[in-house]
Structures are given as C-alpha cells and as structure tokens.
All heavy atoms as atom14 arrays in JSON, in Angstrom:
{
  "sequence": "PFLLHGDAPWSLIAELDRDEVDTYLADRRDR",
  "atom14_mask": [
    [1, 1, 1, 1, 1, 1, 1, 0, 0, 0, 0, 0, 0, 0],
    [1, 1, 1, 1, 1, 1, 1, 1, 1, 1, 1, 0, 0, 0],
    [1, 1, 1, 1, 1, 1, 1, 1, 0, 0, 0, 0, 0, 0],
    [1, 1, 1, 1, 1, 1, 1, 1, 0, 0, 0, 0, 0, 0],
    [1, 1, 1, 1, 1, 1, 1, 1, 1, 1, 0, 0, 0, 0],
    [1, 1, 1, 1, 0, 0, 0, 0, 0, 0, 0, 0, 0, 0],
    [1, 1, 1, 1, 1, 1, 1, 1, 0, 0, 0, 0, 0, 0],
    [1, 1, 1, 1, 1, 0, 0, 0, 0, 0, 0, 0, 0, 0],
    [1, 1, 1, 1, 1, 1, 1, 0, 0, 0, 0, 0, 0, 0],
    [1, 1, 1, 1, 1, 1, 1, 1, 1, 1, 1, 1, 1, 1],
    [1, 1, 1, 1, 1, 1, 0, 0, 0, 0, 0, 0, 0, 0],
    [1, 1, 1, 1, 1, 1, 1, 1, 0, 0, 0, 0, 0, 0],
    [1, 1, 1, 1, 1, 1, 1, 1, 0, 0, 0, 0, 0, 0],
    [1, 1, 1, 1, 1, 0, 0, 0, 0, 0, 0, 0, 0, 0],
    [1, 1, 1, 1, 1, 1, 1, 1, 1, 0, 0, 0, 0, 0],
    [1, 1, 1, 1, 1, 1, 1, 1, 0, 0, 0, 0, 0, 0],
    [1, 1, 1, 1, 1, 1, 1, 1, 0, 0, 0, 0, 0, 0],
    [1, 1, 1, 1, 1, 1, 1, 1, 1, 1, 1, 0, 0, 0],
    [1, 1, 1, 1, 1, 1, 1, 1, 0, 0, 0, 0, 0, 0],
    [1, 1, 1, 1, 1, 1, 1, 1, 1, 0, 0, 0, 0, 0],
    [1, 1, 1, 1, 1, 1, 1, 0, 0, 0, 0, 0, 0, 0],
    [1, 1, 1, 1, 1, 1, 1, 1, 0, 0, 0, 0, 0, 0],
    [1, 1, 1, 1, 1, 1, 1, 0, 0, 0, 0, 0, 0, 0],
    [1, 1, 1, 1, 1, 1, 1, 1, 1, 1, 1, 1, 0, 0],
    [1, 1, 1, 1, 1, 1, 1, 1, 0, 0, 0, 0, 0, 0],
    [1, 1, 1, 1, 1, 0, 0, 0, 0, 0, 0, 0, 0, 0],
    [1, 1, 1, 1, 1, 1, 1, 1, 0, 0, 0, 0, 0, 0],
    [1, 1, 1, 1, 1, 1, 1, 1, 1, 1, 1, 0, 0, 0],
    [1, 1, 1, 1, 1, 1, 1, 1, 1, 1, 1, 0, 0, 0],
    [1, 1, 1, 1, 1, 1, 1, 1, 0, 0, 0, 0, 0, 0],
    [1, 1, 1, 1, 1, 1, 1, 1, 1, 1, 1, 0, 0, 0]
  ],
  "atom14_positions": [
    [[93.86, 78.63, 64.81], [95.27, 78.76, 64.43], [96.06, 79.44, 65.54], [95.59, 80.38, 66.18], [95.22, 79.62, 63.17], [93.91, 80.34, 63.23], [92.97, 79.43, 63.94], [0.0, 0.0, 0.0], [0.0, 0.0, 0.0], [0.0, 0.0, 0.0], [0.0, 0.0, 0.0], [0.0, 0.0, 0.0], [0.0, 0.0, 0.0], [0.0, 0.0, 0.0]],
    [[97.26, 78.92, 65.77], [98.11, 79.43, 66.84], [99.28, 80.2, 66.24], [100.13, 79.63, 65.58], [98.63, 78.29, 67.71], [99.58, 78.74, 68.8], [99.1, 79.45, 69.89], [100.93, 78.47, 68.72], [99.96, 79.87, 70.89], [101.81, 78.89, 69.71], [101.32, 79.59, 70.8], [0.0, 0.0, 0.0], [0.0, 0.0, 0.0], [0.0, 0.0, 0.0]],
    [[99.3, 81.51, 66.49], [100.41, 82.35, 66.08], [101.47, 82.31, 67.17], [101.28, 82.85, 68.26], [99.94, 83.8, 65.87], [101.04, 84.8, 65.51], [101.64, 84.5, 64.15], [100.48, 86.23, 65.57], [0.0, 0.0, 0.0], [0.0, 0.0, 0.0], [0.0, 0.0, 0.0], [0.0, 0.0, 0.0], [0.0, 0.0, 0.0], [0.0, 0.0, 0.0]],
    [[102.6, 81.67, 66.88], [103.68, 81.55, 67.85], [104.42, 82.89, 67.87], [105.15, 83.22, 66.94], [104.59, 80.4, 67.44], [105.64, 79.93, 68.44], [106.06, 78.49, 68.12], [106.87, 80.83, 68.45], [0.0, 0.0, 0.0], [0.0, 0.0, 0.0], [0.0, 0.0, 0.0], [0.0, 0.0, 0.0], [0.0, 0.0, 0.0], [0.0, 0.0, 0.0]],
    [[104.21, 83.65, 68.93], [104.78, 84.99, 69.07], [105.68, 84.96, 70.29], [105.23, 85.13, 71.42], [103.64, 86.0, 69.23], [104.07, 87.43, 69.25], [104.84, 88.01, 68.26], [103.83, 88.42, 70.15], [105.05, 89.28, 68.53], [104.45, 89.55, 69.68], [0.0, 0.0, 0.0], [0.0, 0.0, 0.0], [0.0, 0.0, 0.0], [0.0, 0.0, 0.0]],
    [[106.99, 84.7, 70.05], [107.84, 84.28, 71.14], [108.92, 85.27, 71.56], [109.34, 86.15, 70.81], [0.0, 0.0, 0.0], [0.0, 0.0, 0.0], [0.0, 0.0, 0.0], [0.0, 0.0, 0.0], [0.0, 0.0, 0.0], [0.0, 0.0, 0.0], [0.0, 0.0, 0.0], [0.0, 0.0, 0.0], [0.0, 0.0, 0.0], [0.0, 0.0, 0.0]],
    [[109.38, 85.07, 72.79], [110.53, 85.75, 73.37], [111.52, 84.67, 73.8], [111.15, 83.51, 73.98], [110.09, 86.62, 74.55], [111.19, 87.55, 75.03], [112.01, 87.98, 74.2], [111.22, 87.87, 76.24], [0.0, 0.0, 0.0], [0.0, 0.0, 0.0], [0.0, 0.0, 0.0], [0.0, 0.0, 0.0], [0.0, 0.0, 0.0], [0.0, 0.0, 0.0]],
    [[112.8, 85.05, 74.0], [113.86, 84.08, 74.27], [114.55, 84.34, 75.6], [115.71, 84.75, 75.64], [114.87, 84.09, 73.13], [0.0, 0.0, 0.0], [0.0, 0.0, 0.0], [0.0, 0.0, 0.0], [0.0, 0.0, 0.0], [0.0, 0.0, 0.0], [0.0, 0.0, 0.0], [0.0, 0.0, 0.0], [0.0, 0.0, 0.0], [0.0, 0.0, 0.0]],
    [[113.88, 84.07, 76.72], [114.52, 84.2, 78.03], [115.26, 82.91, 78.39], [114.9, 82.2, 79.34], [113.33, 84.44, 78.96], [112.23, 83.61, 78.35], [112.45, 83.68, 76.86], [0.0, 0.0, 0.0], [0.0, 0.0, 0.0], [0.0, 0.0, 0.0], [0.0, 0.0, 0.0], [0.0, 0.0, 0.0], [0.0, 0.0, 0.0], [0.0, 0.0, 0.0]],
    [[116.3, 82.59, 77.66], [116.97, 81.3, 77.79], [117.28, 80.93, 79.26], [117.13, 79.79, 79.67], [118.27, 81.3, 76.99], [118.14, 81.19, 75.51], [118.19, 82.22, 74.6], [117.99, 79.99, 74.74], [118.07, 81.73, 73.31], [117.95, 80.36, 73.37], [117.89, 78.64, 75.06], [117.82, 79.44, 72.33], [117.76, 77.72, 74.02], [117.73, 78.12, 72.68]],
    [[117.75, 81.9, 80.05], [118.23, 81.59, 81.41], [117.19, 81.82, 82.49], [117.53, 81.98, 83.67], [119.49, 82.44, 81.7], [120.51, 82.15, 80.77], [0.0, 0.0, 0.0], [0.0, 0.0, 0.0], [0.0, 0.0, 0.0], [0.0, 0.0, 0.0], [0.0, 0.0, 0.0], [0.0, 0.0, 0.0], [0.0, 0.0, 0.0], [0.0, 0.0, 0.0]],
    [[115.92, 81.8, 82.12], [114.84, 82.08, 83.06], [114.88, 81.17, 84.28], [114.73, 81.61, 85.42], [113.49, 81.92, 82.34], [112.23, 82.22, 83.14], [112.09, 83.72, 83.38], [110.99, 81.68, 82.42], [0.0, 0.0, 0.0], [0.0, 0.0, 0.0], [0.0, 0.0, 0.0], [0.0, 0.0, 0.0], [0.0, 0.0, 0.0], [0.0, 0.0, 0.0]],
    [[115.09, 79.87, 84.07], [115.06, 78.91, 85.18], [116.3, 79.01, 86.05], [116.22, 78.96, 87.28], [114.89, 77.48, 84.63], [113.47, 77.3, 84.08], [115.19, 76.42, 85.69], [113.22, 75.98, 83.37], [0.0, 0.0, 0.0], [0.0, 0.0, 0.0], [0.0, 0.0, 0.0], [0.0, 0.0, 0.0], [0.0, 0.0, 0.0], [0.0, 0.0, 0.0]],
    [[117.46, 79.18, 85.42], [118.71, 79.14, 86.18], [119.07, 80.45, 86.84], [119.71, 80.46, 87.9], [119.85, 78.69, 85.27], [0.0, 0.0, 0.0], [0.0, 0.0, 0.0], [0.0, 0.0, 0.0], [0.0, 0.0, 0.0], [0.0, 0.0, 0.0], [0.0, 0.0, 0.0], [0.0, 0.0, 0.0], [0.0, 0.0, 0.0], [0.0, 0.0, 0.0]],
    [[118.7, 81.58, 86.24], [119.25, 82.87, 86.67], [118.35, 83.68, 87.59], [118.85, 84.44, 88.43], [119.6, 83.71, 85.44], [120.18, 85.08, 85.73], [121.51, 85.03, 86.51], [122.16, 83.96, 86.5], [121.88, 86.04, 87.11], [0.0, 0.0, 0.0], [0.0, 0.0, 0.0], [0.0, 0.0, 0.0], [0.0, 0.0, 0.0], [0.0, 0.0, 0.0]],
    [[117.03, 83.55, 87.48], [116.14, 84.46, 88.21], [115.61, 83.83, 89.49], [115.34, 82.63, 89.55], [114.96, 84.85, 87.32], [115.27, 85.62, 86.04], [113.99, 86.16, 85.43], [116.28, 86.74, 86.27], [0.0, 0.0, 0.0], [0.0, 0.0, 0.0], [0.0, 0.0, 0.0], [0.0, 0.0, 0.0], [0.0, 0.0, 0.0], [0.0, 0.0, 0.0]],
    [[115.42, 84.7, 90.5], [114.68, 84.25, 91.68], [113.19, 84.36, 91.38], [112.78, 84.81, 90.3], [115.09, 85.02, 92.93], [114.75, 86.51, 92.89], [113.74, 86.89, 92.25], [115.48, 87.31, 93.51], [0.0, 0.0, 0.0], [0.0, 0.0, 0.0], [0.0, 0.0, 0.0], [0.0, 0.0, 0.0], [0.0, 0.0, 0.0], [0.0, 0.0, 0.0]],
    [[112.36, 83.99, 92.33], [110.94, 83.86, 92.02], [110.25, 85.21, 91.81], [109.37, 85.33, 90.94], [110.26, 83.03, 93.12], [110.79, 81.61, 93.11], [110.09, 80.68, 94.06], [110.59, 79.31, 93.87], [110.08, 78.24, 94.46], [109.05, 78.38, 95.3], [110.6, 77.04, 94.24], [0.0, 0.0, 0.0], [0.0, 0.0, 0.0], [0.0, 0.0, 0.0]],
    [[110.64, 86.22, 92.56], [110.06, 87.54, 92.32], [110.44, 88.05, 90.93], [109.63, 88.66, 90.22], [110.53, 88.54, 93.39], [109.87, 88.29, 94.74], [108.83, 87.62, 94.78], [110.43, 88.77, 95.75], [0.0, 0.0, 0.0], [0.0, 0.0, 0.0], [0.0, 0.0, 0.0], [0.0, 0.0, 0.0], [0.0, 0.0, 0.0], [0.0, 0.0, 0.0]],
    [[111.69, 87.8, 90.52], [112.13, 88.23, 89.2], [111.42, 87.47, 88.09], [111.09, 88.04, 87.04], [113.65, 88.05, 89.08], [114.44, 89.02, 89.96], [115.91, 88.68, 90.0], [116.28, 87.49, 89.91], [116.73, 89.63, 90.12], [0.0, 0.0, 0.0], [0.0, 0.0, 0.0], [0.0, 0.0, 0.0], [0.0, 0.0, 0.0], [0.0, 0.0, 0.0]],
    [[111.17, 86.18, 88.3], [110.4, 85.42, 87.33], [109.03, 86.06, 87.12], [108.57, 86.25, 85.99], [110.25, 83.95, 87.77], [109.21, 83.22, 86.91], [111.59, 83.22, 87.69], [0.0, 0.0, 0.0], [0.0, 0.0, 0.0], [0.0, 0.0, 0.0], [0.0, 0.0, 0.0], [0.0, 0.0, 0.0], [0.0, 0.0, 0.0], [0.0, 0.0, 0.0]],
    [[108.38, 86.42, 88.22], [107.06, 87.03, 88.11], [107.12, 88.39, 87.41], [106.22, 88.74, 86.63], [106.43, 87.18, 89.5], [105.88, 85.86, 90.03], [105.61, 84.96, 89.22], [105.71, 85.74, 91.26], [0.0, 0.0, 0.0], [0.0, 0.0, 0.0], [0.0, 0.0, 0.0], [0.0, 0.0, 0.0], [0.0, 0.0, 0.0], [0.0, 0.0, 0.0]],
    [[108.17, 89.17, 87.68], [108.34, 90.46, 87.0], [108.46, 90.25, 85.5], [107.8, 90.95, 84.7], [109.59, 91.18, 87.52], [109.4, 91.5, 88.9], [109.86, 92.46, 86.74], [0.0, 0.0, 0.0], [0.0, 0.0, 0.0], [0.0, 0.0, 0.0], [0.0, 0.0, 0.0], [0.0, 0.0, 0.0], [0.0, 0.0, 0.0], [0.0, 0.0, 0.0]],
    [[109.3, 89.31, 85.1], [109.49, 89.04, 83.68], [108.2, 88.56, 83.03], [107.79, 89.06, 81.97], [110.61, 88.01, 83.47], [110.63, 87.52, 82.05], [111.24, 88.26, 81.05], [109.99, 86.34, 81.7], [111.21, 87.84, 79.73], [109.96, 85.91, 80.37], [110.57, 86.67, 79.41], [110.52, 86.25, 78.1], [0.0, 0.0, 0.0], [0.0, 0.0, 0.0]],
    [[107.54, 87.58, 83.63], [106.33, 87.0, 83.02], [105.22, 88.04, 82.89], [104.5, 88.08, 81.89], [105.84, 85.82, 83.84], [106.74, 84.58, 83.87], [106.11, 83.49, 84.75], [106.99, 84.04, 82.47], [0.0, 0.0, 0.0], [0.0, 0.0, 0.0], [0.0, 0.0, 0.0], [0.0, 0.0, 0.0], [0.0, 0.0, 0.0], [0.0, 0.0, 0.0]],
    [[105.06, 88.9, 83.9], [104.01, 89.92, 83.85], [104.26, 90.88, 82.68], [103.32, 91.26, 81.97], [103.95, 90.68, 85.17], [0.0, 0.0, 0.0], [0.0, 0.0, 0.0], [0.0, 0.0, 0.0], [0.0, 0.0, 0.0], [0.0, 0.0, 0.0], [0.0, 0.0, 0.0], [0.0, 0.0, 0.0], [0.0, 0.0, 0.0], [0.0, 0.0, 0.0]],
    [[105.52, 91.26, 82.49], [105.82, 92.17, 81.39], [105.53, 91.53, 80.05], [104.87, 92.13, 79.19], [107.29, 92.59, 81.45], [107.65, 93.54, 80.31], [108.04, 93.05, 79.23], [107.53, 94.76, 80.51], [0.0, 0.0, 0.0], [0.0, 0.0, 0.0], [0.0, 0.0, 0.0], [0.0, 0.0, 0.0], [0.0, 0.0, 0.0], [0.0, 0.0, 0.0]],
    [[106.0, 90.31, 79.83], [105.81, 89.67, 78.53], [104.35, 89.31, 78.28], [103.89, 89.35, 77.14], [106.69, 88.42, 78.43], [108.13, 88.64, 77.92], [108.54, 90.05, 77.76], [109.75, 90.19, 76.94], [110.32, 91.34, 76.68], [109.8, 92.47, 77.18], [111.4, 91.42, 75.9], [0.0, 0.0, 0.0], [0.0, 0.0, 0.0], [0.0, 0.0, 0.0]],
    [[103.62, 89.03, 79.32], [102.18, 88.79, 79.15], [101.49, 90.08, 78.72], [100.65, 90.08, 77.81], [101.59, 88.27, 80.46], [100.11, 87.97, 80.41], [99.78, 86.87, 79.43], [98.39, 86.48, 79.49], [97.76, 85.8, 78.54], [98.41, 85.43, 77.45], [96.5, 85.48, 78.65], [0.0, 0.0, 0.0], [0.0, 0.0, 0.0], [0.0, 0.0, 0.0]],
    [[101.84, 91.2, 79.35], [101.23, 92.49, 78.99], [101.54, 92.87, 77.55], [100.74, 93.55, 76.9], [101.72, 93.59, 79.94], [101.11, 93.48, 81.33], [100.13, 92.72, 81.49], [101.64, 94.13, 82.25], [0.0, 0.0, 0.0], [0.0, 0.0, 0.0], [0.0, 0.0, 0.0], [0.0, 0.0, 0.0], [0.0, 0.0, 0.0], [0.0, 0.0, 0.0]],
    [[102.69, 92.44, 77.05], [103.09, 92.78, 75.68], [102.6, 91.75, 74.66], [102.97, 91.81, 73.49], [104.61, 92.91, 75.59], [105.17, 94.05, 76.42], [106.69, 94.15, 76.31], [107.22, 95.04, 77.33], [107.32, 96.36, 77.2], [106.93, 96.93, 76.07], [107.8, 97.1, 78.18], [0.0, 0.0, 0.0], [0.0, 0.0, 0.0], [0.0, 0.0, 0.0]]
  ]
}
C-alpha cells in the first residue's frame, strides 16, 4: 500500500535554480 504523503511546491520547475532544487528535495526527503 502506498501512503501518499505530499507537499505542494507548485513553482519548483519555474522558480528555482538547480542548487535550490537540491536544497528543497533534500529537506523534504529528510522529512
């Protein structure tokens, strides 16, 4: 069973540069 436990970074593709994408993903993965 897959528990969908989500966050809503709507503007991830348009707004962040690549270092910022990695910062965001690392935090949400840790959480």
